[in-house]
């Protein structure tokens, strides 16, 4: 089983996960994918304590990076191939899915593209409240295009932290460099459904897309 959710930062969100019926029906052979707002590598938190709390969940964890991560911490972990794409093994049963990768799991294919912009950032907060690595780099878009071409430019799902710029007016969001990159990528891929993270739940049926907050849903 693969389930997905949008935001698991903080003790309260993690407690809600521990009480969720879907999560409690899972085992370590099942995966929860967190869409770029995961608390495991969140800046200015206790990394080792975070690891223990997430490993206490009955399922295995996959996550995308996003606007709240410590990218210096992430860079300390080596990169490995796994299920068709490149990953970082953060700890036992906890895996970071790299950007621009196409994975195959449970008979489903999915494209991953983390990254997210912190609003109002300036050099004063650089490497403390935000990291330049939050932005989606051109080479990561090129990697996505290459990996998509290997799959006929079709996947079952697209998983991102942000959404394309043209969708922003429907979710009251602001334009970012990441959303512009995803706008470009949107024209390159045919997908069944696109999931991304937001501060509230939104359905965007005209785009076959869903914004998730703290809901947990099972992929079908």
C-alpha atoms as a PDB file:
ATOM      1  CA  UNK A   1       0.000   0.000   0.000  1.00  0.00           C
ATOM      2  CA  UNK A   2       1.096   3.566  -0.720  1.00  0.00           C
ATOM      3  CA  UNK A   3      -0.623   6.434   1.065  1.00  0.00           C
ATOM      4  CA  UNK A   4       0.135  10.148   0.713  1.00  0.00           C
ATOM      5  CA  UNK A   5      -0.255  13.268   2.822  1.00  0.00           C
ATOM      6  CA  UNK A   6       0.733  16.905   2.609  1.00  0.00           C
ATOM      7  CA  UNK A   7       2.130  18.239   5.897  1.00  0.00           C
ATOM      8  CA  UNK A   8       3.443  16.352   8.919  1.00  0.00           C
ATOM      9  CA  UNK A   9       5.548  18.990  10.651  1.00  0.00           C
ATOM     10  CA  UNK A  10       5.245  19.325  14.413  1.00  0.00           C
ATOM     11  CA  UNK A  11       4.204  17.147  17.326  1.00  0.00           C
ATOM     12  CA  UNK A  12       0.477  17.732  16.802  1.00  0.00           C
ATOM     13  CA  UNK A  13       0.597  16.656  13.156  1.00  0.00           C
ATOM     14  CA  UNK A  14       2.619  13.580  14.057  1.00  0.00           C
ATOM     15  CA  UNK A  15       0.143  12.713  16.804  1.00  0.00           C
ATOM     16  CA  UNK A  16      -2.711  12.972  14.304  1.00  0.00           C
ATOM     17  CA  UNK A  17      -0.838  10.571  12.043  1.00  0.00           C
ATOM     18  CA  UNK A  18      -0.468   8.094  14.881  1.00  0.00           C
ATOM     19  CA  UNK A  19      -4.241   8.172  15.408  1.00  0.00           C
ATOM     20  CA  UNK A  20      -5.152   7.876  11.720  1.00  0.00           C
ATOM     21  CA  UNK A  21      -7.052   4.699  10.782  1.00  0.00           C
ATOM     22  CA  UNK A  22      -5.263   4.354   7.446  1.00  0.00           C
ATOM     23  CA  UNK A  23      -1.845   4.693   9.051  1.00  0.00           C
ATOM     24  CA  UNK A  24      -2.730   2.175  11.745  1.00  0.00           C
ATOM     25  CA  UNK A  25      -3.803  -0.357   9.122  1.00  0.00           C
ATOM     26  CA  UNK A  26      -0.318  -0.233   7.551  1.00  0.00           C
ATOM     27  CA  UNK A  27       2.889  -2.168   8.202  1.00  0.00           C
ATOM     28  CA  UNK A  28       6.543  -1.451   7.457  1.00  0.00           C
ATOM     29  CA  UNK A  29       6.016  -3.000   4.009  1.00  0.00           C
ATOM     30  CA  UNK A  30       3.598  -0.122   3.278  1.00  0.00           C
ATOM     31  CA  UNK A  31       4.669   3.445   2.527  1.00  0.00           C
ATOM     32  CA  UNK A  32       3.479   6.903   3.496  1.00  0.00           C
ATOM     33  CA  UNK A  33       4.695   9.558   1.038  1.00  0.00           C
ATOM     34  CA  UNK A  34       4.908  13.092   2.496  1.00  0.00           C
ATOM     35  CA  UNK A  35       4.730  15.877  -0.089  1.00  0.00           C
ATOM     36  CA  UNK A  36       7.557  18.204   0.842  1.00  0.00           C
ATOM     37  CA  UNK A  37       6.487  19.374   4.307  1.00  0.00           C
ATOM     38  CA  UNK A  38       7.932  16.569   6.366  1.00  0.00           C
ATOM     39  CA  UNK A  39       9.351  17.210   9.817  1.00  0.00           C
ATOM     40  CA  UNK A  40      12.224  14.720   9.648  1.00  0.00           C
ATOM     41  CA  UNK A  41      14.884  17.078   8.284  1.00  0.00           C
ATOM     42  CA  UNK A  42      13.157  20.322   9.302  1.00  0.00           C
ATOM     43  CA  UNK A  43      15.656  23.056  10.170  1.00  0.00           C
ATOM     44  CA  UNK A  44      16.264  23.861  13.845  1.00  0.00           C
ATOM     45  CA  UNK A  45      14.698  20.684  15.191  1.00  0.00           C
ATOM     46  CA  UNK A  46      16.293  17.631  16.792  1.00  0.00           C
ATOM     47  CA  UNK A  47      17.086  15.349  13.849  1.00  0.00           C
ATOM     48  CA  UNK A  48      17.672  12.211  15.912  1.00  0.00           C
ATOM     49  CA  UNK A  49      14.484  12.740  17.907  1.00  0.00           C
ATOM     50  CA  UNK A  50      12.585  13.284  14.656  1.00  0.00           C
ATOM     51  CA  UNK A  51      13.948   9.999  13.296  1.00  0.00           C
ATOM     52  CA  UNK A  52      12.758   8.091  16.352  1.00  0.00           C
ATOM     53  CA  UNK A  53       9.283   9.626  16.234  1.00  0.00           C
ATOM     54  CA  UNK A  54       8.760   8.847  12.550  1.00  0.00           C
ATOM     55  CA  UNK A  55      10.155   5.344  12.946  1.00  0.00           C
ATOM     56  CA  UNK A  56       7.553   4.744  15.650  1.00  0.00           C
ATOM     57  CA  UNK A  57       4.858   4.916  12.973  1.00  0.00           C
ATOM     58  CA  UNK A  58       3.769   1.451  11.738  1.00  0.00           C
ATOM     59  CA  UNK A  59       4.613   2.258   8.095  1.00  0.00           C
ATOM     60  CA  UNK A  60       7.750   3.171   6.156  1.00  0.00           C
ATOM     61  CA  UNK A  61       8.232   6.809   5.169  1.00  0.00           C
ATOM     62  CA  UNK A  62       9.089   8.403   1.831  1.00  0.00           C
ATOM     63  CA  UNK A  63       9.270  12.185   1.554  1.00  0.00           C
ATOM     64  CA  UNK A  64       9.989  15.030  -0.829  1.00  0.00           C
ATOM     65  CA  UNK A  65      12.090  17.986   0.255  1.00  0.00           C
ATOM     66  CA  UNK A  66      10.423  21.378   0.603  1.00  0.00           C
ATOM     67  CA  UNK A  67      10.749  24.900   2.000  1.00  0.00           C
ATOM     68  CA  UNK A  68      11.403  23.926   5.632  1.00  0.00           C
ATOM     69  CA  UNK A  69      14.263  21.454   5.279  1.00  0.00           C
ATOM     70  CA  UNK A  70      17.879  21.818   6.348  1.00  0.00           C
ATOM     71  CA  UNK A  71      19.621  21.192   3.025  1.00  0.00           C
ATOM     72  CA  UNK A  72      23.048  20.987   4.657  1.00  0.00           C
ATOM     73  CA  UNK A  73      21.717  18.049   6.667  1.00  0.00           C
ATOM     74  CA  UNK A  74      20.204  16.445   3.578  1.00  0.00           C
ATOM     75  CA  UNK A  75      23.466  16.786   1.666  1.00  0.00           C
ATOM     76  CA  UNK A  76      25.234  14.635   4.276  1.00  0.00           C
ATOM     77  CA  UNK A  77      23.354  11.539   3.089  1.00  0.00           C
ATOM     78  CA  UNK A  78      24.639   9.564   0.077  1.00  0.00           C
ATOM     79  CA  UNK A  79      22.477   8.960  -2.988  1.00  0.00           C
ATOM     80  CA  UNK A  80      21.349   5.451  -3.985  1.00  0.00           C
ATOM     81  CA  UNK A  81      19.177   3.995  -6.785  1.00  0.00           C
ATOM     82  CA  UNK A  82      15.890   2.517  -5.578  1.00  0.00           C
ATOM     83  CA  UNK A  83      12.795   1.388  -7.507  1.00  0.00           C
ATOM     84  CA  UNK A  84      13.923   3.122 -10.682  1.00  0.00           C
ATOM     85  CA  UNK A  85      14.925   6.500  -9.231  1.00  0.00           C
ATOM     86  CA  UNK A  86      17.560   8.108  -7.043  1.00  0.00           C
ATOM     87  CA  UNK A  87      17.035   8.407  -3.297  1.00  0.00           C
ATOM     88  CA  UNK A  88      18.742   9.189  -0.013  1.00  0.00           C
ATOM     89  CA  UNK A  89      18.373   6.701   2.800  1.00  0.00           C
ATOM     90  CA  UNK A  90      17.880   8.896   5.876  1.00  0.00           C
ATOM     91  CA  UNK A  91      17.398   6.060   8.322  1.00  0.00           C
ATOM     92  CA  UNK A  92      15.920   2.586   8.459  1.00  0.00           C
ATOM     93  CA  UNK A  93      12.458   2.810   6.802  1.00  0.00           C
ATOM     94  CA  UNK A  94      12.871   6.535   5.984  1.00  0.00           C
ATOM     95  CA  UNK A  95      13.726   7.539   2.396  1.00  0.00           C
ATOM     96  CA  UNK A  96      14.095  10.913   0.684  1.00  0.00           C
ATOM     97  CA  UNK A  97      12.957  10.819  -2.967  1.00  0.00           C
ATOM     98  CA  UNK A  98      15.177  13.002  -5.140  1.00  0.00           C
ATOM     99  CA  UNK A  99      13.904  15.548  -7.643  1.00  0.00           C
ATOM    100  CA  UNK A 100      13.191  14.720 -11.262  1.00  0.00           C
ATOM    101  CA  UNK A 101      12.971  10.968 -10.678  1.00  0.00           C
ATOM    102  CA  UNK A 102      10.469   8.408 -11.948  1.00  0.00           C
ATOM    103  CA  UNK A 103       9.800   5.544  -9.552  1.00  0.00           C
ATOM    104  CA  UNK A 104       7.892   2.318 -10.079  1.00  0.00           C
ATOM    105  CA  UNK A 105       6.194   0.831  -7.018  1.00  0.00           C
ATOM    106  CA  UNK A 106       3.215  -1.469  -6.688  1.00  0.00           C
ATOM    107  CA  UNK A 107       2.679  -1.405 -10.435  1.00  0.00           C
ATOM    108  CA  UNK A 108       2.391   2.413 -10.440  1.00  0.00           C
ATOM    109  CA  UNK A 109       4.786   4.974 -11.866  1.00  0.00           C
ATOM    110  CA  UNK A 110       5.276   8.393 -10.371  1.00  0.00           C
ATOM    111  CA  UNK A 111       7.377  11.485 -10.949  1.00  0.00           C
ATOM    112  CA  UNK A 112       8.794  13.328  -7.940  1.00  0.00           C
ATOM    113  CA  UNK A 113       9.811  16.975  -7.734  1.00  0.00           C
ATOM    114  CA  UNK A 114      10.421  18.474  -4.319  1.00  0.00           C
ATOM    115  CA  UNK A 115      11.479  22.064  -3.728  1.00  0.00           C
ATOM    116  CA  UNK A 116       9.600  25.021  -2.336  1.00  0.00           C
ATOM    117  CA  UNK A 117      10.137  28.735  -1.900  1.00  0.00           C
ATOM    118  CA  UNK A 118      10.207  30.591   1.424  1.00  0.00           C
ATOM    119  CA  UNK A 119       8.434  33.963   0.964  1.00  0.00           C
ATOM    120  CA  UNK A 120      10.210  37.194   1.878  1.00  0.00           C
ATOM    121  CA  UNK A 121      13.644  35.635   2.061  1.00  0.00           C
ATOM    122  CA  UNK A 122      16.804  37.771   2.045  1.00  0.00           C
ATOM    123  CA  UNK A 123      20.505  37.200   2.586  1.00  0.00           C
ATOM    124  CA  UNK A 124      20.164  37.810   6.329  1.00  0.00           C
ATOM    125  CA  UNK A 125      18.327  34.505   6.750  1.00  0.00           C
ATOM    126  CA  UNK A 126      20.313  32.536   4.179  1.00  0.00           C
ATOM    127  CA  UNK A 127      21.316  29.085   5.471  1.00  0.00           C
ATOM    128  CA  UNK A 128      19.246  29.687   8.610  1.00  0.00           C
ATOM    129  CA  UNK A 129      15.627  30.276   7.583  1.00  0.00           C
ATOM    130  CA  UNK A 130      16.094  29.325   3.946  1.00  0.00           C
ATOM    131  CA  UNK A 131      18.554  27.587   1.627  1.00  0.00           C
ATOM    132  CA  UNK A 132      19.232  28.324  -2.063  1.00  0.00           C
ATOM    133  CA  UNK A 133      18.851  24.575  -2.645  1.00  0.00           C
ATOM    134  CA  UNK A 134      15.114  24.957  -2.017  1.00  0.00           C
ATOM    135  CA  UNK A 135      14.731  26.156  -5.604  1.00  0.00           C
ATOM    136  CA  UNK A 136      14.283  23.693  -8.438  1.00  0.00           C
ATOM    137  CA  UNK A 137      17.435  23.816 -10.557  1.00  0.00           C
ATOM    138  CA  UNK A 138      17.416  23.622 -14.385  1.00  0.00           C
ATOM    139  CA  UNK A 139      19.377  20.363 -14.282  1.00  0.00           C
ATOM    140  CA  UNK A 140      16.632  18.818 -12.147  1.00  0.00           C
ATOM    141  CA  UNK A 141      14.044  19.714 -14.782  1.00  0.00           C
ATOM    142  CA  UNK A 142      16.344  18.200 -17.418  1.00  0.00           C
ATOM    143  CA  UNK A 143      16.624  15.046 -15.307  1.00  0.00           C
ATOM    144  CA  UNK A 144      12.841  14.884 -15.092  1.00  0.00           C
ATOM    145  CA  UNK A 145      12.499  15.285 -18.857  1.00  0.00           C
ATOM    146  CA  UNK A 146      15.061  12.542 -19.481  1.00  0.00           C
ATOM    147  CA  UNK A 147      13.452  10.138 -17.010  1.00  0.00           C
ATOM    148  CA  UNK A 148       9.983  10.866 -18.346  1.00  0.00           C
ATOM    149  CA  UNK A 149      11.163  10.168 -21.893  1.00  0.00           C
ATOM    150  CA  UNK A 150      12.319   6.740 -20.678  1.00  0.00           C
ATOM    151  CA  UNK A 151       8.665   6.114 -19.720  1.00  0.00           C
ATOM    152  CA  UNK A 152       7.079   7.537 -22.857  1.00  0.00           C
ATOM    153  CA  UNK A 153       6.375  10.840 -21.054  1.00  0.00           C
ATOM    154  CA  UNK A 154       3.572   9.128 -19.119  1.00  0.00           C
ATOM    155  CA  UNK A 155       3.256   8.358 -15.413  1.00  0.00           C
ATOM    156  CA  UNK A 156       0.370   7.441 -13.163  1.00  0.00           C
ATOM    157  CA  UNK A 157       1.092  10.203 -10.662  1.00  0.00           C
ATOM    158  CA  UNK A 158       3.058  13.403 -10.234  1.00  0.00           C
ATOM    159  CA  UNK A 159       4.088  14.270  -6.657  1.00  0.00           C
ATOM    160  CA  UNK A 160       5.364  17.776  -5.896  1.00  0.00           C
ATOM    161  CA  UNK A 161       5.591  20.160  -2.972  1.00  0.00           C
ATOM    162  CA  UNK A 162       4.401  23.209  -4.930  1.00  0.00           C
ATOM    163  CA  UNK A 163       2.089  23.405  -7.950  1.00  0.00           C
ATOM    164  CA  UNK A 164       2.411  24.976 -11.408  1.00  0.00           C
ATOM    165  CA  UNK A 165       2.054  28.752 -11.595  1.00  0.00           C
ATOM    166  CA  UNK A 166      -1.143  28.657 -13.666  1.00  0.00           C
ATOM    167  CA  UNK A 167      -2.915  26.856 -10.793  1.00  0.00           C
ATOM    168  CA  UNK A 168      -1.996  29.491  -8.199  1.00  0.00           C
ATOM    169  CA  UNK A 169      -5.086  31.632  -8.743  1.00  0.00           C
ATOM    170  CA  UNK A 170      -7.252  28.658  -7.791  1.00  0.00           C
ATOM    171  CA  UNK A 171      -5.516  28.098  -4.450  1.00  0.00           C
ATOM    172  CA  UNK A 172      -4.708  31.736  -3.536  1.00  0.00           C
ATOM    173  CA  UNK A 173      -0.988  31.094  -3.806  1.00  0.00           C
ATOM    174  CA  UNK A 174       1.856  33.301  -4.998  1.00  0.00           C
ATOM    175  CA  UNK A 175       4.089  32.784  -8.002  1.00  0.00           C
ATOM    176  CA  UNK A 176       7.549  31.352  -7.279  1.00  0.00           C
ATOM    177  CA  UNK A 177      10.551  30.132  -9.222  1.00  0.00           C
ATOM    178  CA  UNK A 178       9.544  26.585  -8.247  1.00  0.00           C
ATOM    179  CA  UNK A 179       6.005  27.020  -9.552  1.00  0.00           C
ATOM    180  CA  UNK A 180       7.406  28.395 -12.826  1.00  0.00           C
ATOM    181  CA  UNK A 181       9.606  25.303 -13.140  1.00  0.00           C
ATOM    182  CA  UNK A 182       6.600  23.061 -12.551  1.00  0.00           C
ATOM    183  CA  UNK A 183       4.619  25.028 -15.137  1.00  0.00           C
ATOM    184  CA  UNK A 184       7.280  24.101 -17.689  1.00  0.00           C
ATOM    185  CA  UNK A 185       7.284  20.485 -16.545  1.00  0.00           C
ATOM    186  CA  UNK A 186       3.486  20.232 -16.751  1.00  0.00           C
ATOM    187  CA  UNK A 187       3.673  20.520 -20.538  1.00  0.00           C
ATOM    188  CA  UNK A 188       6.093  17.574 -20.713  1.00  0.00           C
ATOM    189  CA  UNK A 189       4.125  14.898 -18.878  1.00  0.00           C
ATOM    190  CA  UNK A 190       0.888  12.987 -19.256  1.00  0.00           C
ATOM    191  CA  UNK A 191      -0.446  11.848 -15.884  1.00  0.00           C
ATOM    192  CA  UNK A 192      -3.501  10.352 -14.226  1.00  0.00           C
ATOM    193  CA  UNK A 193      -3.370  12.620 -11.186  1.00  0.00           C
ATOM    194  CA  UNK A 194      -1.100  15.286  -9.711  1.00  0.00           C
ATOM    195  CA  UNK A 195      -0.780  15.706  -5.931  1.00  0.00           C
ATOM    196  CA  UNK A 196       0.913  18.592  -4.127  1.00  0.00           C
ATOM    197  CA  UNK A 197       1.004  20.141  -0.650  1.00  0.00           C
ATOM    198  CA  UNK A 198      -0.903  23.207   0.537  1.00  0.00           C
ATOM    199  CA  UNK A 199      -2.231  24.741   3.765  1.00  0.00           C
ATOM    200  CA  UNK A 200      -5.780  23.580   2.977  1.00  0.00           C
ATOM    201  CA  UNK A 201      -7.312  20.754   0.959  1.00  0.00           C
ATOM    202  CA  UNK A 202      -8.268  21.659  -2.627  1.00  0.00           C
ATOM    203  CA  UNK A 203      -9.606  19.625  -5.523  1.00  0.00           C
ATOM    204  CA  UNK A 204      -8.679  20.919  -8.972  1.00  0.00           C
ATOM    205  CA  UNK A 205     -10.678  18.569 -11.219  1.00  0.00           C
ATOM    206  CA  UNK A 206      -9.932  20.470 -14.427  1.00  0.00           C
ATOM    207  CA  UNK A 207      -6.250  19.702 -13.859  1.00  0.00           C
ATOM    208  CA  UNK A 208      -6.746  16.197 -12.415  1.00  0.00           C
ATOM    209  CA  UNK A 209      -4.979  17.511  -9.332  1.00  0.00           C
ATOM    210  CA  UNK A 210      -5.382  17.604  -5.560  1.00  0.00           C
ATOM    211  CA  UNK A 211      -3.770  19.787  -2.914  1.00  0.00           C
ATOM    212  CA  UNK A 212      -3.344  17.956   0.378  1.00  0.00           C
ATOM    213  CA  UNK A 213      -2.846  19.360   3.844  1.00  0.00           C
ATOM    214  CA  UNK A 214      -2.937  16.773   6.639  1.00  0.00           C
ATOM    215  CA  UNK A 215      -5.363  14.358   5.004  1.00  0.00           C
ATOM    216  CA  UNK A 216      -4.092  10.832   4.389  1.00  0.00           C
ATOM    217  CA  UNK A 217      -5.319   9.103   1.222  1.00  0.00           C
ATOM    218  CA  UNK A 218      -4.499   5.737  -0.305  1.00  0.00           C
ATOM    219  CA  UNK A 219      -3.382   5.577  -3.919  1.00  0.00           C
ATOM    220  CA  UNK A 220      -5.566   3.369  -6.081  1.00  0.00           C
END
